[in-house]
Protein backbone atom coordinates (compact mmCIF):
# COMPACT_ATOMS: atom_id res chain seq x y z
CA UNK A 1 52.58 44.43 20.90
CA UNK A 2 54.72 43.22 23.84
CA UNK A 3 53.47 39.67 23.44
CA UNK A 4 53.51 39.73 19.64
CA UNK A 5 56.92 38.05 19.08
CA UNK A 6 56.15 35.37 21.69
CA UNK A 7 52.81 34.57 20.04
CA UNK A 8 54.48 34.45 16.63
CA UNK A 9 57.20 32.06 17.78
CA UNK A 10 54.61 29.73 19.36
CA UNK A 11 52.70 29.81 16.07
CA UNK A 12 55.80 28.95 14.03
CA UNK A 13 56.76 26.11 16.40
CA UNK A 14 53.23 24.70 16.20
CA UNK A 15 53.20 24.78 12.38
CA UNK A 16 56.64 23.18 12.12
CA UNK A 17 55.60 20.44 14.56
CA UNK A 18 52.51 19.65 12.48
CA UNK A 19 54.60 19.59 9.29
CA UNK A 20 57.14 17.17 10.79
CA UNK A 21 54.52 14.77 12.11
CA UNK A 22 52.32 14.90 9.03
CA UNK A 23 55.01 14.77 6.37
CA UNK A 24 55.46 11.37 4.70
CA UNK A 25 59.14 12.19 4.46
CA UNK A 26 59.65 12.66 8.20
CA UNK A 27 62.41 10.46 9.56
CA UNK A 28 61.00 7.30 11.13
CA UNK A 29 64.02 7.11 13.41
CA UNK A 30 62.97 10.43 14.94
CA UNK A 31 59.70 8.88 16.10
CA UNK A 32 59.35 6.57 19.06
CA UNK A 33 59.33 2.91 17.96
CA UNK A 34 56.39 0.85 19.22
CA UNK A 35 57.13 -1.78 21.86
CA UNK A 36 56.93 -5.05 19.95
CA UNK A 37 58.59 -7.17 22.63
CA UNK A 38 55.55 -9.32 23.40
CA UNK A 39 54.72 -9.80 19.73
CA UNK A 40 58.28 -10.84 18.91
CA UNK A 41 58.37 -13.30 21.80
CA UNK A 42 54.98 -14.75 20.83
CA UNK A 43 56.12 -15.74 17.33
CA UNK A 44 59.77 -16.48 18.14
CA UNK A 45 60.48 -19.94 16.74
CA UNK A 46 61.74 -23.07 18.39
CA UNK A 47 65.00 -23.35 16.50
CA UNK A 48 66.68 -26.62 15.50
CA UNK A 49 70.41 -26.05 14.94
CA UNK A 50 72.36 -28.91 13.42
CA UNK A 51 75.95 -29.21 14.63
CA UNK A 52 79.04 -30.87 13.26
CA UNK A 53 81.20 -32.59 15.88
CA UNK A 54 84.35 -31.47 14.06
CA UNK A 55 83.78 -28.06 15.68
CA UNK A 56 80.34 -28.11 17.28
CA UNK A 57 80.54 -24.76 19.08
CA UNK A 58 81.13 -23.01 15.74
CA UNK A 59 77.46 -23.85 15.09
CA UNK A 60 76.07 -22.18 18.21
CA UNK A 61 73.89 -19.13 17.58
CA UNK A 62 74.87 -16.08 19.60
CA UNK A 63 74.78 -12.29 19.79
CA UNK A 64 76.56 -10.24 17.13
CA UNK A 65 78.54 -8.52 19.88
CA UNK A 66 79.06 -11.71 21.91
CA UNK A 67 82.69 -10.75 22.54
CA UNK A 68 81.76 -7.40 24.05
CA UNK A 69 82.35 -5.15 21.05
CA UNK A 70 80.94 -4.30 17.62
CA UNK A 71 84.24 -4.89 15.83
CA UNK A 72 83.14 -7.58 13.41
CA UNK A 73 86.48 -8.58 11.91
CA UNK A 74 87.72 -10.07 15.19
CA UNK A 75 84.76 -12.42 15.67
CA UNK A 76 86.29 -15.40 13.88
CA UNK A 77 89.33 -15.19 16.13
CA UNK A 78 87.28 -14.85 19.33
CA UNK A 79 84.77 -17.59 18.53
CA UNK A 80 86.74 -20.42 20.10
CA UNK A 81 88.17 -18.45 23.04
CA UNK A 82 85.40 -19.41 25.44
CA UNK A 83 82.34 -21.41 24.39
CA UNK A 84 80.45 -20.21 27.47
CA UNK A 85 80.26 -16.75 25.87
CA UNK A 86 78.26 -18.17 22.96
CA UNK A 87 74.93 -17.67 24.67
CA UNK A 88 71.76 -18.07 22.65
CA UNK A 89 70.62 -14.77 21.17
CA UNK A 90 68.45 -13.85 18.19
CA UNK A 91 68.14 -10.35 16.74
CA UNK A 92 64.61 -9.40 15.72
CA UNK A 93 62.68 -6.60 14.10
CA UNK A 94 58.98 -5.94 13.56
CA UNK A 95 57.49 -4.02 10.66
CA UNK A 96 53.79 -3.17 10.81
CA UNK A 97 51.21 -2.30 8.18
CA UNK A 98 47.53 -1.60 8.69
CA UNK A 99 46.80 -5.30 8.08
CA UNK A 100 49.95 -7.29 8.99
CA UNK A 101 53.03 -7.66 11.13
CA UNK A 102 56.27 -8.84 9.50
CA UNK A 103 58.74 -10.23 12.04
CA UNK A 104 62.36 -10.91 11.09
CA UNK A 105 64.50 -13.20 13.25
CA UNK A 106 68.24 -13.14 12.50
CA UNK A 107 70.44 -16.06 13.62
CA UNK A 108 74.08 -15.08 13.90
CA UNK A 109 77.24 -17.21 13.92
CA UNK A 110 80.80 -15.81 14.15
CA UNK A 111 81.96 -18.34 11.53
CA UNK A 112 80.62 -19.80 8.32
CA UNK A 113 82.94 -22.76 8.07
CA UNK A 114 83.83 -26.04 6.37
CA UNK A 115 85.75 -29.09 7.57
CA UNK A 116 87.99 -29.39 4.52
CA UNK A 117 90.76 -27.20 3.05
CA UNK A 118 88.99 -24.57 0.97
CA UNK A 119 91.71 -21.94 0.51
CA UNK A 120 89.32 -19.19 1.63
CA UNK A 121 86.76 -19.90 -1.07
CA UNK A 122 83.85 -21.10 1.06
CA UNK A 123 84.53 -19.98 4.62
CA UNK A 124 83.92 -16.46 5.85
CA UNK A 125 83.77 -14.44 9.03
CA UNK A 126 80.29 -13.61 10.36
CA UNK A 127 77.14 -15.36 9.21
CA UNK A 128 73.66 -13.90 9.51
CA UNK A 129 70.70 -15.75 8.06
CA UNK A 130 67.13 -15.72 9.20
CA UNK A 131 63.39 -16.07 8.80
CA UNK A 132 60.46 -13.71 8.38
CA UNK A 133 57.06 -14.49 9.87
CA UNK A 134 53.98 -13.05 8.18
CA UNK A 135 51.29 -12.41 10.78
CA UNK A 136 47.83 -11.11 9.93
CA UNK A 137 46.03 -8.82 12.33
CA UNK A 138 42.82 -10.65 13.20
CA UNK A 139 41.56 -8.80 16.24
CA UNK A 140 43.51 -10.94 18.71
CA UNK A 141 46.46 -9.68 20.72
CA UNK A 142 49.17 -11.28 18.60
CA UNK A 143 47.46 -11.98 15.29
CA UNK A 144 47.54 -15.15 13.19
CA UNK A 145 50.58 -16.67 11.48
CA UNK A 146 49.98 -17.06 7.74
CA UNK A 147 53.43 -17.61 6.24
CA UNK A 148 57.20 -17.77 6.66
CA UNK A 149 60.11 -16.98 4.35
CA UNK A 150 63.58 -18.24 5.26
CA UNK A 151 67.05 -17.25 4.10
CA UNK A 152 69.20 -20.06 2.76
CA UNK A 153 72.37 -18.29 1.61
CA UNK A 154 71.34 -16.62 -1.68
CA UNK A 155 67.92 -18.27 -1.85
CA UNK A 156 64.65 -17.67 -0.04
CA UNK A 157 62.22 -20.48 0.80
CA UNK A 158 58.54 -19.96 1.59
CA UNK A 159 56.27 -21.98 3.89
CA UNK A 160 52.76 -21.89 5.31
CA UNK A 161 51.20 -23.40 8.45
CA UNK A 162 48.13 -25.65 8.35
CA UNK A 163 45.00 -23.63 7.65
CA UNK A 164 46.77 -20.69 6.00
CA UNK A 165 44.87 -19.18 3.05
CA UNK A 166 48.12 -18.36 1.23
CA UNK A 167 48.86 -20.16 -2.04
CA UNK A 168 51.69 -20.12 -4.57
CA UNK A 169 52.55 -16.73 -5.97
CA UNK A 170 55.25 -16.02 -8.55
CA UNK A 171 57.31 -18.35 -6.34
CA UNK A 172 56.14 -21.82 -5.33
CA UNK A 173 55.52 -22.60 -1.67
CA UNK A 174 58.29 -24.95 -0.56
CA UNK A 175 56.59 -26.74 2.31
CA UNK A 176 54.75 -26.53 5.60
CA UNK A 177 55.57 -24.90 8.92
CA UNK A 178 55.60 -27.46 11.69
CA UNK A 179 54.18 -25.96 14.88
CA UNK A 180 55.16 -27.07 18.39
CA UNK A 181 53.79 -26.12 21.79
CA UNK A 182 56.13 -24.17 24.03
CA UNK A 183 55.52 -21.47 26.60
CA UNK A 184 51.80 -22.08 26.52
CA UNK A 185 51.38 -21.31 22.82
CA UNK A 186 51.84 -23.01 19.46
CA UNK A 187 55.04 -21.77 17.82
CA UNK A 188 56.64 -22.05 14.38
CA UNK A 189 59.85 -24.03 14.04
CA UNK A 190 62.97 -23.37 11.99
CA UNK A 191 65.94 -25.56 11.07
CA UNK A 192 69.51 -24.49 10.35
CA UNK A 193 72.32 -26.44 8.74
CA UNK A 194 75.66 -27.03 10.40
CA UNK A 195 78.69 -25.12 9.08
CA UNK A 196 77.01 -23.10 6.28
CA UNK A 197 73.91 -22.31 8.39
CA UNK A 198 71.25 -22.07 5.69
CA UNK A 199 67.73 -21.96 7.14
CA UNK A 200 64.56 -23.74 6.09
CA UNK A 201 61.62 -25.48 7.75
CA UNK A 202 62.06 -28.25 10.30
CA UNK A 203 60.79 -31.58 8.98
CA UNK A 204 60.13 -33.10 12.40
CA UNK A 205 62.97 -35.59 12.16
CA UNK A 206 66.16 -35.99 14.17
CA UNK A 207 69.31 -34.14 13.20
CA UNK A 208 71.49 -35.65 10.47
CA UNK A 209 74.20 -37.57 12.31
CA UNK A 210 72.09 -37.50 15.48
CA UNK A 211 73.57 -34.39 17.12
CA UNK A 212 72.18 -30.88 17.32
CA UNK A 213 70.99 -28.10 19.58
CA UNK A 214 67.34 -27.16 20.13
CA UNK A 215 66.89 -23.51 21.12
CA UNK A 216 63.78 -22.21 22.89
CA UNK A 217 62.87 -18.52 23.25
CA UNK A 218 62.93 -17.01 26.72
CA UNK A 219 62.22 -13.50 27.92
CA UNK A 220 65.21 -13.33 30.27
CA UNK A 221 67.47 -16.38 30.19
CA UNK A 222 70.18 -16.84 27.58
CA UNK A 223 72.22 -20.04 27.68
CA UNK A 224 75.24 -21.53 25.96
CA UNK A 225 74.81 -25.17 24.96
CA UNK A 226 76.47 -27.72 27.22
CA UNK A 227 77.54 -29.65 24.13
CA UNK A 228 76.82 -30.00 20.44
CA UNK A 229 73.93 -32.30 21.34
CA UNK A 230 71.99 -30.20 23.85
CA UNK A 231 68.25 -30.47 23.25
CA UNK A 232 67.10 -27.69 25.59
CA UNK A 233 68.87 -24.33 25.38
CA UNK A 234 67.25 -20.95 25.94
CA UNK A 235 67.79 -17.90 23.78
CA UNK A 236 66.77 -14.28 24.28
CA UNK A 237 65.65 -11.70 21.76
CA UNK A 238 67.48 -8.47 20.96
CA UNK A 239 65.73 -5.67 19.09
CA UNK A 240 67.50 -4.52 15.92
CA UNK A 241 66.50 -0.96 16.79
CA UNK A 242 67.50 -1.02 20.46
CA UNK A 243 69.67 1.97 21.47
CA UNK A 244 73.30 1.10 20.81
CA UNK A 245 72.25 -2.01 18.87
CA UNK A 246 72.66 -3.25 15.32
CA UNK A 247 70.82 -0.46 13.52
CA UNK A 248 72.65 2.21 15.48
CA UNK A 249 75.90 0.70 14.15
CA UNK A 250 74.82 0.73 10.50
CA UNK A 251 77.42 3.41 9.63
CA UNK A 252 80.10 2.10 11.99
CA UNK A 253 83.22 1.20 9.92
CA UNK A 254 84.26 -1.34 12.55
CA UNK A 255 80.96 -3.17 12.06
CA UNK A 256 80.22 -2.79 8.35
CA UNK A 257 82.47 -2.80 5.29
CA UNK A 258 79.65 -1.28 3.23
CA UNK A 259 75.91 -0.77 3.51
CA UNK A 260 74.45 -3.89 5.15
CA UNK A 261 77.62 -5.98 4.68
CA UNK A 262 79.54 -7.01 7.78
CA UNK A 263 83.25 -6.34 7.95
CA UNK A 264 85.12 -9.65 7.87
CA UNK A 265 88.63 -10.71 6.86
CA UNK A 266 88.76 -14.49 7.36
CA UNK A 267 88.09 -16.65 4.32
CA UNK A 268 86.16 -14.54 1.81
CA UNK A 269 86.26 -10.91 2.88
CA UNK A 270 83.06 -9.09 3.78
CA UNK A 271 80.77 -11.97 2.81
CA UNK A 272 77.87 -11.75 5.30
CA UNK A 273 74.88 -9.42 5.14
CA UNK A 274 72.19 -8.10 7.43
CA UNK A 275 68.46 -8.36 6.79
CA UNK A 276 68.41 -5.01 5.00
CA UNK A 277 70.62 -6.51 2.30
CA UNK A 278 69.42 -10.14 2.16
CA UNK A 279 68.74 -11.17 -1.41
CA UNK A 280 67.42 -14.12 -3.36
CA UNK A 281 69.41 -14.53 -6.56
CA UNK A 282 66.44 -15.31 -8.82
CA UNK A 283 63.13 -14.08 -7.41
CA UNK A 284 62.45 -11.53 -10.12
CA UNK A 285 61.11 -8.18 -8.97
CA UNK A 286 62.09 -8.46 -5.29
CA UNK A 287 65.09 -6.22 -4.67
CA UNK A 288 67.90 -6.83 -2.21
CA UNK A 289 66.86 -6.00 1.33
CA UNK A 290 63.11 -5.86 0.72
CA UNK A 291 62.44 -8.53 3.34
CA UNK A 292 63.27 -5.70 5.75
CA UNK A 293 62.57 -2.51 3.83
CA UNK A 294 59.43 -3.54 1.92
CA UNK A 295 58.11 -6.91 3.13
CA UNK A 296 54.66 -6.26 1.66
CA UNK A 297 56.15 -6.44 -1.83
CA UNK A 298 57.99 -9.64 -1.00
CA UNK A 299 54.72 -11.14 0.25
CA UNK A 300 52.95 -10.09 -2.94
CA UNK A 301 55.55 -11.85 -5.08
CA UNK A 302 55.94 -15.03 -3.03
CA UNK A 303 52.30 -15.75 -2.20
CA UNK A 304 48.87 -15.70 -3.77
CA UNK A 305 45.35 -15.53 -2.33
CA UNK A 306 46.39 -12.71 -0.02
CA UNK A 307 42.88 -11.52 0.66
CA UNK A 308 42.43 -7.97 1.90
CA UNK A 309 45.70 -6.33 2.91
CA UNK A 310 47.36 -2.96 3.21
CA UNK A 311 50.51 -1.53 1.65
CA UNK A 312 50.56 1.33 4.16
CA UNK A 313 53.26 1.05 6.81
CA UNK A 314 52.34 1.98 10.34
CA UNK A 315 55.96 1.43 11.39
CA UNK A 316 59.06 0.44 9.45
CA UNK A 317 62.31 1.29 11.20
CA UNK A 318 64.33 0.39 8.11
CA UNK A 319 62.73 3.19 6.13
């Protein structure tokens, strides 16, 4: 009888542990996130950023906390303090199912701007647009790229690389992914407008006006462009779910005005969203934020000829 209470407590702890691990309602954030660093680096795109020489450094991609804090309504003011602080940085996340990886790359600018008087109608503080890579598990270390969906303001565009089995779904495929060799592998490419920063595929041509920045992924080195026409700048990757990072600030009132919407007070107030609120204005059944929270459903709507695939998430930090 002396050991009875001890035995009972061990039994209760064991049962509760099993319930927490086995329950489909257990908090994902309570579980250790897989290390997707290598996977994210493997499929990180070579990024073609158009610049406007009216204010070229306002088109440089950088970290969301480039100024050393997560107060998002001071980023417009700090953007032109020191261009050397605008080092290349891309925020990423990886969601995994039993059959696929879905990798989101978010390209951040402190300003969404215009070069004409707009009376606060078009400009806004903070700008986060991006691209999602659809990678099928094929038995290799990093899988096979099958598709890409980009964020162009309130529209999504879909693309496939050569050899992809994917076809039109409820949405038409908008073009092809141009692959380039860098870092010993063939990588997808992305293109981003100057000023408004909408993203779509790179067409292989020079920048409009002849000036732009080409960003290349690097595991360690993050660089600020030397000018608005720098064709070799390195960017690093930052995990959305890193401790103290973007996801950890999701309830921070200095960072967000509301769920998934950055706090901003220049131009239109609170006008930029994170991946978990990105939305296409007319893609039917896809809800706002599903590129992050339920990318399988987005894939089902945007593409056909999916072959065998799983709806079961192995890891989804957004859920």
